[in-house]
Amino acid sequence: MAGLRRAGTLAAALLLLGGATHEAPQPLAPLEGAGWELAWSDEFDGESLDRTKWAPEVSCWGGGNAERQCYTDRPENIAVEGGMLLLKARKERFTGPARPPEIAATPNPDILQFYTSGKVRTRGLHAWRYGRIEVRAKVPPGQGTWPAVWMMPAHDIYGPWPLSGEIDILEAVNIGAKCKVCEGGKGENRTISALHFGKLAPKNRFVDHRNALPDLALPSDGFHVYAVEWGEGLIRFLVDDRVHLTVPADKWSTGSPLARGNPAAPFDQPFYIMANLAVGGKLSEENNAKGLAGKSFPAQFAVDWIRVYRCASDPAKGRTCMR
């Protein structure tokens, strides 16, 4: 989602918007029979957020992307209802801390934003190296909406972003909004998966891909399973078991001297999971119909479950399950 969110996002967006979406059929990589074993999950079956698994972020930071929300720890923005995690973006004035604790100044001043939303993280609670991470979710439509499920390193072994990498399982930007290059006639119908790495900004790099569903439907029309399969030296992204982006280690790198002689770096360390619904920001507001659309809010990002699998036959490297 990048940055600590997405420096260089506009360049990524322009690259992605430069051509049509028609592609060759995507290979299937189903969970069943591949040797993946469930290691952790949240099915969101209770009546409140499980604080042993998730910690809400409370901050009004724009994520390095000029986003417009304050993330709060209120039921108006984060709820567990009907077996789902609901992250809700609302148009309202709110004052809160300028930055999350891990990058906050002392003192951490309060700032005013005009939207609120929800963001939860396993940071400081759970992190994983290698495996298959799945999320079943329904993204919201609307110009200015930016839901995401993504991963950041637990300890920044190779240094600050992007030296230690970033894994974006799902991003959905402006779904249903005007899109000149999208097939299907319904507007923006592509979700994004990405890796971020390289040298310190502005010399950071990324590999990403926008993926349309096989029937070109809007992903906001229903639930879909978004996943990453991650092994030593290989990462691939899937939607409904179809692989749409494969990235081997020779396509990534890090500018950290601590990684010399280690081609798998920086994606060889534990990462934690985040889910959030951002409002606006450069990737959203500078593309499609531009800016924010008032009718997009309130918006809701619904997550049915998030599951983490380990490769039972190869837990150290995770590769034998990536068939």
Protein backbone atom coordinates (compact mmCIF):
# COMPACT_ATOMS: atom_id res chain seq x y z
CA MET A 1 0.00 0.00 0.00
CA ALA A 2 3.22 1.62 0.47
CA GLY A 3 5.41 3.96 2.08
CA LEU A 4 5.63 3.49 4.67
CA ARG A 5 3.03 3.46 1.94
CA ARG A 6 3.61 4.32 -1.69
CA ALA A 7 6.36 6.70 -2.75
CA GLY A 8 6.32 6.65 -6.53
CA THR A 9 2.63 5.77 -6.63
CA LEU A 10 1.80 8.19 -9.41
CA ALA A 11 4.43 6.68 -11.66
CA ALA A 12 2.98 3.26 -10.93
CA ALA A 13 -0.51 4.45 -11.75
CA LEU A 14 0.53 5.97 -15.05
CA LEU A 15 2.32 2.78 -16.02
CA LEU A 16 -0.69 0.69 -15.12
CA LEU A 17 -3.12 2.92 -16.99
CA GLY A 18 -1.07 2.84 -20.17
CA GLY A 19 -2.64 -0.18 -21.84
CA ALA A 20 -5.63 -2.48 -22.12
CA THR A 21 -6.25 -5.34 -19.72
CA HIS A 22 -6.66 -8.24 -22.19
CA GLU A 23 -4.29 -11.06 -21.28
CA ALA A 24 -3.71 -14.76 -21.75
CA PRO A 25 -5.69 -17.15 -19.50
CA GLN A 26 -4.36 -17.22 -15.96
CA PRO A 27 -3.07 -20.51 -14.52
CA LEU A 28 -4.93 -22.06 -11.61
CA ALA A 29 -3.10 -22.76 -8.34
CA PRO A 30 -5.74 -24.13 -5.95
CA LEU A 31 -5.08 -24.57 -2.26
CA GLU A 32 -6.35 -28.13 -2.24
CA GLY A 33 -3.71 -30.78 -2.88
CA ALA A 34 -0.76 -28.39 -2.84
CA GLY A 35 0.36 -29.24 0.70
CA TRP A 36 -0.62 -26.00 2.45
CA GLU A 37 -1.51 -26.40 6.14
CA LEU A 38 -3.52 -23.81 8.09
CA ALA A 39 -1.29 -22.05 10.62
CA TRP A 40 -3.35 -19.02 11.70
CA SER A 41 -6.67 -17.44 10.86
CA ASP A 42 -9.37 -15.03 11.89
CA GLU A 43 -12.87 -15.93 10.71
CA PHE A 44 -14.36 -12.83 12.42
CA ASP A 45 -17.13 -14.92 13.98
CA GLY A 46 -17.34 -13.02 17.26
CA GLU A 47 -18.98 -9.74 18.19
CA SER A 48 -15.81 -7.66 18.51
CA LEU A 49 -12.29 -7.45 17.16
CA ASP A 50 -9.96 -10.11 18.60
CA ARG A 51 -7.27 -7.98 20.26
CA THR A 52 -4.97 -10.99 20.60
CA LYS A 53 -4.74 -10.99 16.81
CA TRP A 54 -5.24 -7.38 15.74
CA ALA A 55 -4.29 -3.90 16.93
CA PRO A 56 -6.13 -0.94 15.37
CA GLU A 57 -3.97 1.89 14.14
CA VAL A 58 -4.97 5.29 15.52
CA SER A 59 -3.51 8.10 13.44
CA CYS A 60 -4.40 10.85 10.98
CA TRP A 61 -1.28 10.36 8.88
CA GLY A 62 -1.81 10.34 5.15
CA GLY A 63 0.54 7.40 4.68
CA GLY A 64 2.95 9.41 2.55
CA ASN A 65 0.21 9.59 -0.09
CA ALA A 66 -1.80 12.66 1.02
CA GLU A 67 -4.69 10.45 2.13
CA ARG A 68 -7.57 12.21 3.82
CA GLN A 69 -8.64 9.93 6.69
CA CYS A 70 -8.06 9.63 10.39
CA TYR A 71 -7.92 5.99 11.41
CA THR A 72 -9.76 5.51 14.69
CA ASP A 73 -10.45 2.73 17.17
CA ARG A 74 -14.21 3.34 17.22
CA PRO A 75 -17.09 1.02 16.31
CA GLU A 76 -18.14 3.62 13.74
CA ASN A 77 -15.00 2.68 11.78
CA ILE A 78 -14.07 -0.86 12.89
CA ALA A 79 -16.74 -3.46 13.59
CA VAL A 80 -17.12 -7.22 13.64
CA GLU A 81 -20.66 -8.09 12.61
CA GLY A 82 -22.32 -11.04 10.90
CA GLY A 83 -19.10 -13.01 10.72
CA MET A 84 -17.16 -10.22 9.03
CA LEU A 85 -14.66 -7.49 9.76
CA LEU A 86 -16.14 -4.21 8.53
CA LEU A 87 -13.85 -1.24 7.93
CA LYS A 88 -15.99 1.85 7.41
CA ALA A 89 -15.02 5.20 5.90
CA ARG A 90 -17.19 8.18 6.86
CA LYS A 91 -17.22 11.83 5.93
CA GLU A 92 -16.83 13.72 9.23
CA ARG A 93 -14.41 16.10 10.94
CA PHE A 94 -12.01 14.32 13.28
CA THR A 95 -8.87 15.30 15.17
CA GLY A 96 -6.27 12.72 16.11
CA PRO A 97 -2.52 11.98 16.33
CA ALA A 98 -0.51 13.01 13.31
CA ARG A 99 1.40 9.73 13.03
CA PRO A 100 1.21 6.13 14.27
CA PRO A 101 3.42 5.36 17.30
CA GLU A 102 6.27 3.66 15.43
CA ILE A 103 7.06 6.78 13.37
CA ALA A 104 5.70 9.50 15.66
CA ALA A 105 7.62 12.56 16.74
CA THR A 106 7.75 13.56 20.41
CA PRO A 107 5.37 15.15 21.05
CA ASN A 108 3.01 13.71 18.45
CA PRO A 109 0.72 16.64 17.52
CA ASP A 110 -2.97 16.27 16.69
CA ILE A 111 -4.19 17.17 13.21
CA LEU A 112 -7.61 17.59 11.63
CA GLN A 113 -8.96 15.46 8.80
CA PHE A 114 -12.41 15.42 7.19
CA TYR A 115 -12.88 11.65 6.90
CA THR A 116 -12.53 8.75 9.32
CA SER A 117 -11.88 5.10 8.60
CA GLY A 118 -10.50 1.83 10.01
CA LYS A 119 -7.17 0.03 9.87
CA VAL A 120 -6.10 -3.11 11.75
CA ARG A 121 -2.68 -4.73 11.98
CA THR A 122 -1.04 -7.83 13.40
CA ARG A 123 2.04 -5.68 14.08
CA GLY A 124 3.68 -6.69 17.37
CA LEU A 125 1.36 -9.70 17.66
CA HIS A 126 1.90 -12.06 14.71
CA ALA A 127 4.26 -12.21 11.75
CA TRP A 128 5.19 -14.89 9.23
CA ARG A 129 8.00 -15.79 6.86
CA TYR A 130 6.81 -17.71 3.79
CA GLY A 131 3.43 -19.31 3.28
CA ARG A 132 0.12 -18.67 1.58
CA ILE A 133 -1.91 -15.75 2.91
CA GLU A 134 -5.54 -15.49 1.80
CA VAL A 135 -8.26 -12.92 2.36
CA ARG A 136 -11.88 -13.30 1.31
CA ALA A 137 -13.24 -9.81 0.90
CA LYS A 138 -15.68 -7.52 -0.85
CA VAL A 139 -14.22 -4.15 -1.80
CA PRO A 140 -16.27 -0.95 -1.96
CA PRO A 141 -16.93 0.95 -5.19
CA GLY A 142 -16.44 4.65 -5.73
CA GLN A 143 -13.98 7.30 -6.83
CA GLY A 144 -11.71 8.02 -3.87
CA THR A 145 -11.95 4.62 -2.15
CA TRP A 146 -8.73 2.65 -1.59
CA PRO A 147 -9.11 -0.60 0.40
CA ALA A 148 -6.06 -2.79 0.88
CA VAL A 149 -4.67 -5.91 2.53
CA TRP A 150 -0.90 -5.78 2.65
CA MET A 151 2.21 -6.80 4.57
CA MET A 152 5.20 -5.01 6.05
CA PRO A 153 8.34 -6.40 7.72
CA ALA A 154 8.09 -6.99 11.45
CA HIS A 155 11.58 -5.69 12.24
CA ASP A 156 12.93 -3.89 9.14
CA ILE A 157 15.98 -6.14 9.11
CA TYR A 158 17.45 -4.41 6.06
CA GLY A 159 16.50 -0.86 7.01
CA PRO A 160 13.55 1.54 6.49
CA TRP A 161 11.10 1.41 3.59
CA PRO A 162 11.64 0.16 0.96
CA LEU A 163 14.93 -1.49 1.91
CA SER A 164 13.07 -4.18 3.85
CA GLY A 165 10.29 -4.59 1.29
CA GLU A 166 6.50 -4.48 1.15
CA ILE A 167 3.96 -7.06 -0.09
CA ASP A 168 0.58 -5.77 -1.33
CA ILE A 169 -1.88 -8.66 -1.61
CA LEU A 170 -4.90 -6.56 -2.57
CA GLU A 171 -5.47 -2.95 -3.48
CA ALA A 172 -8.68 -1.71 -5.12
CA VAL A 173 -8.70 1.89 -6.28
CA ASN A 174 -11.76 3.75 -7.59
CA ILE A 175 -13.69 0.60 -8.45
CA GLY A 176 -16.53 1.38 -10.85
CA ALA A 177 -15.22 4.86 -11.66
CA LYS A 178 -14.65 6.04 -15.21
CA CYS A 179 -11.84 4.10 -16.90
CA LYS A 180 -10.83 4.63 -20.54
CA VAL A 181 -8.65 1.51 -20.80
CA CYS A 182 -10.76 -0.99 -18.84
CA GLU A 183 -12.60 -3.71 -20.72
CA GLY A 184 -16.16 -4.70 -19.86
CA GLY A 185 -17.87 -1.32 -20.04
CA LYS A 186 -18.41 -1.02 -16.27
CA GLY A 187 -15.58 1.33 -15.39
CA GLU A 188 -12.54 0.53 -13.24
CA ASN A 189 -12.73 -3.23 -12.62
CA ARG A 190 -9.12 -4.12 -11.81
CA THR A 191 -7.50 -4.89 -8.47
CA ILE A 192 -3.78 -4.50 -7.83
CA SER A 193 -1.06 -6.68 -6.32
CA ALA A 194 2.49 -5.40 -5.87
CA LEU A 195 5.94 -5.74 -4.37
CA HIS A 196 7.95 -2.68 -3.25
CA PHE A 197 11.72 -2.83 -2.75
CA GLY A 198 14.98 -1.24 -3.92
CA LYS A 199 16.91 1.76 -2.67
CA LEU A 200 15.67 4.61 -0.53
CA ALA A 201 13.15 6.91 -2.21
CA PRO A 202 13.18 8.33 -4.79
CA LYS A 203 15.21 5.37 -6.09
CA ASN A 204 12.67 2.85 -4.83
CA ARG A 205 11.30 0.25 -7.25
CA PHE A 206 8.19 -1.89 -7.57
CA VAL A 207 6.64 -4.72 -9.55
CA ASP A 208 2.86 -4.62 -9.83
CA HIS A 209 -0.09 -5.78 -11.90
CA ARG A 210 -3.74 -4.81 -12.31
CA ASN A 211 -5.99 -7.81 -12.65
CA ALA A 212 -9.55 -7.97 -13.99
CA LEU A 213 -11.87 -10.85 -13.15
CA PRO A 214 -12.35 -13.41 -15.96
CA ASP A 215 -15.90 -12.18 -16.58
CA LEU A 216 -14.79 -8.51 -16.31
CA ALA A 217 -17.32 -7.93 -13.50
CA LEU A 218 -16.73 -5.29 -10.84
CA PRO A 219 -14.94 -6.80 -7.82
CA SER A 220 -17.25 -4.69 -5.63
CA ASP A 221 -20.21 -6.82 -6.78
CA GLY A 222 -19.24 -9.79 -4.62
CA PHE A 223 -16.68 -11.55 -2.45
CA HIS A 224 -13.43 -12.87 -3.90
CA VAL A 225 -10.37 -14.60 -2.46
CA TYR A 226 -7.15 -12.61 -2.85
CA ALA A 227 -3.92 -14.42 -2.01
CA VAL A 228 -0.16 -14.41 -2.09
CA GLU A 229 2.01 -17.53 -2.19
CA TRP A 230 5.44 -16.70 -0.85
CA GLY A 231 8.47 -18.95 -0.84
CA GLU A 232 12.21 -18.43 -0.80
CA GLY A 233 13.06 -16.58 -3.99
CA LEU A 234 9.56 -16.65 -5.48
CA ILE A 235 6.33 -14.72 -4.83
CA ARG A 236 3.08 -15.01 -6.76
CA PHE A 237 -0.31 -13.38 -6.42
CA LEU A 238 -3.73 -14.92 -7.02
CA VAL A 239 -7.39 -13.97 -7.28
CA ASP A 240 -9.86 -16.84 -6.82
CA ASP A 241 -6.96 -19.31 -7.22
CA ARG A 242 -5.86 -17.83 -10.55
CA VAL A 243 -2.24 -16.66 -10.63
CA HIS A 244 -2.01 -13.18 -12.14
CA LEU A 245 1.50 -12.05 -11.12
CA THR A 246 4.64 -14.13 -10.54
CA VAL A 247 7.83 -12.46 -9.32
CA PRO A 248 11.12 -14.41 -8.97
CA ALA A 249 14.00 -13.12 -6.87
CA ASP A 250 15.93 -11.83 -9.88
CA LYS A 251 13.16 -9.23 -10.32
CA TRP A 252 13.59 -7.70 -6.87
CA SER A 253 16.48 -6.28 -4.85
CA THR A 254 17.34 -4.11 -1.88
CA GLY A 255 19.79 -1.27 -1.52
CA SER A 256 20.79 -2.45 1.95
CA PRO A 257 24.43 -3.51 2.40
CA LEU A 258 23.14 -6.01 4.97
CA ALA A 259 21.72 -8.09 2.10
CA ARG A 260 24.95 -8.67 0.19
CA GLY A 261 25.22 -12.23 -1.02
CA ASN A 262 21.56 -12.93 -0.22
CA PRO A 263 19.43 -12.88 -3.41
CA ALA A 264 16.20 -13.62 -1.50
CA ALA A 265 16.46 -10.37 0.49
CA PRO A 266 14.45 -8.42 1.50
CA PHE A 267 11.62 -10.96 1.20
CA ASP A 268 13.22 -13.51 3.53
CA GLN A 269 12.09 -12.13 6.89
CA PRO A 270 8.82 -12.17 8.88
CA PHE A 271 6.08 -9.82 7.71
CA TYR A 272 2.87 -8.78 9.49
CA ILE A 273 -0.57 -8.23 7.93
CA MET A 274 -2.69 -5.07 7.65
CA ALA A 275 -6.18 -4.36 6.36
CA ASN A 276 -7.44 -0.81 5.86
CA LEU A 277 -9.77 1.43 3.90
CA ALA A 278 -8.02 4.63 2.84
CA VAL A 279 -9.80 7.74 1.59
CA GLY A 280 -8.28 9.53 -1.39
CA GLY A 281 -4.55 9.84 -1.78
CA LYS A 282 -2.46 10.28 -4.91
CA LEU A 283 -3.09 6.88 -6.48
CA SER A 284 -6.83 7.39 -6.09
CA GLU A 285 -7.34 11.09 -6.67
CA GLU A 286 -5.02 11.49 -9.65
CA ASN A 287 -6.63 8.68 -11.65
CA ASN A 288 -9.95 7.68 -13.18
CA ALA A 289 -12.48 10.48 -12.62
CA LYS A 290 -9.98 12.45 -10.47
CA GLY A 291 -10.43 13.65 -6.89
CA LEU A 292 -13.09 12.36 -4.50
CA ALA A 293 -16.75 11.69 -5.24
CA GLY A 294 -19.09 12.62 -2.40
CA LYS A 295 -21.44 9.77 -3.29
CA SER A 296 -18.64 7.26 -2.55
CA PHE A 297 -19.00 7.79 1.20
CA PRO A 298 -19.89 6.26 3.53
CA ALA A 299 -17.98 3.26 2.19
CA GLN A 300 -17.43 -0.20 3.66
CA PHE A 301 -14.68 -2.78 3.14
CA ALA A 302 -15.99 -6.21 4.22
CA VAL A 303 -13.52 -8.98 5.11
CA ASP A 304 -14.97 -12.46 5.60
CA TRP A 305 -11.76 -14.11 6.74
CA ILE A 306 -7.97 -13.93 6.63
CA ARG A 307 -5.98 -17.19 6.70
CA VAL A 308 -2.28 -17.99 6.83
CA TYR A 309 -1.01 -21.36 5.62
CA ARG A 310 2.43 -22.96 5.96
CA CYS A 311 3.93 -25.43 3.54
CA ALA A 312 3.86 -28.60 5.65
CA SER A 313 6.52 -30.39 3.59
CA ASP A 314 8.84 -27.38 3.32
CA PRO A 315 8.17 -24.88 6.15
CA ALA A 316 11.68 -23.42 6.02
CA LYS A 317 11.46 -22.33 2.37
CA GLY A 318 7.82 -22.82 1.33
CA ARG A 319 8.69 -23.74 -2.23
CA THR A 320 7.44 -27.32 -2.66
CA CYS A 321 3.82 -26.18 -2.25
CA MET A 322 4.09 -23.59 -5.05
CA ARG A 323 3.22 -25.92 -7.92
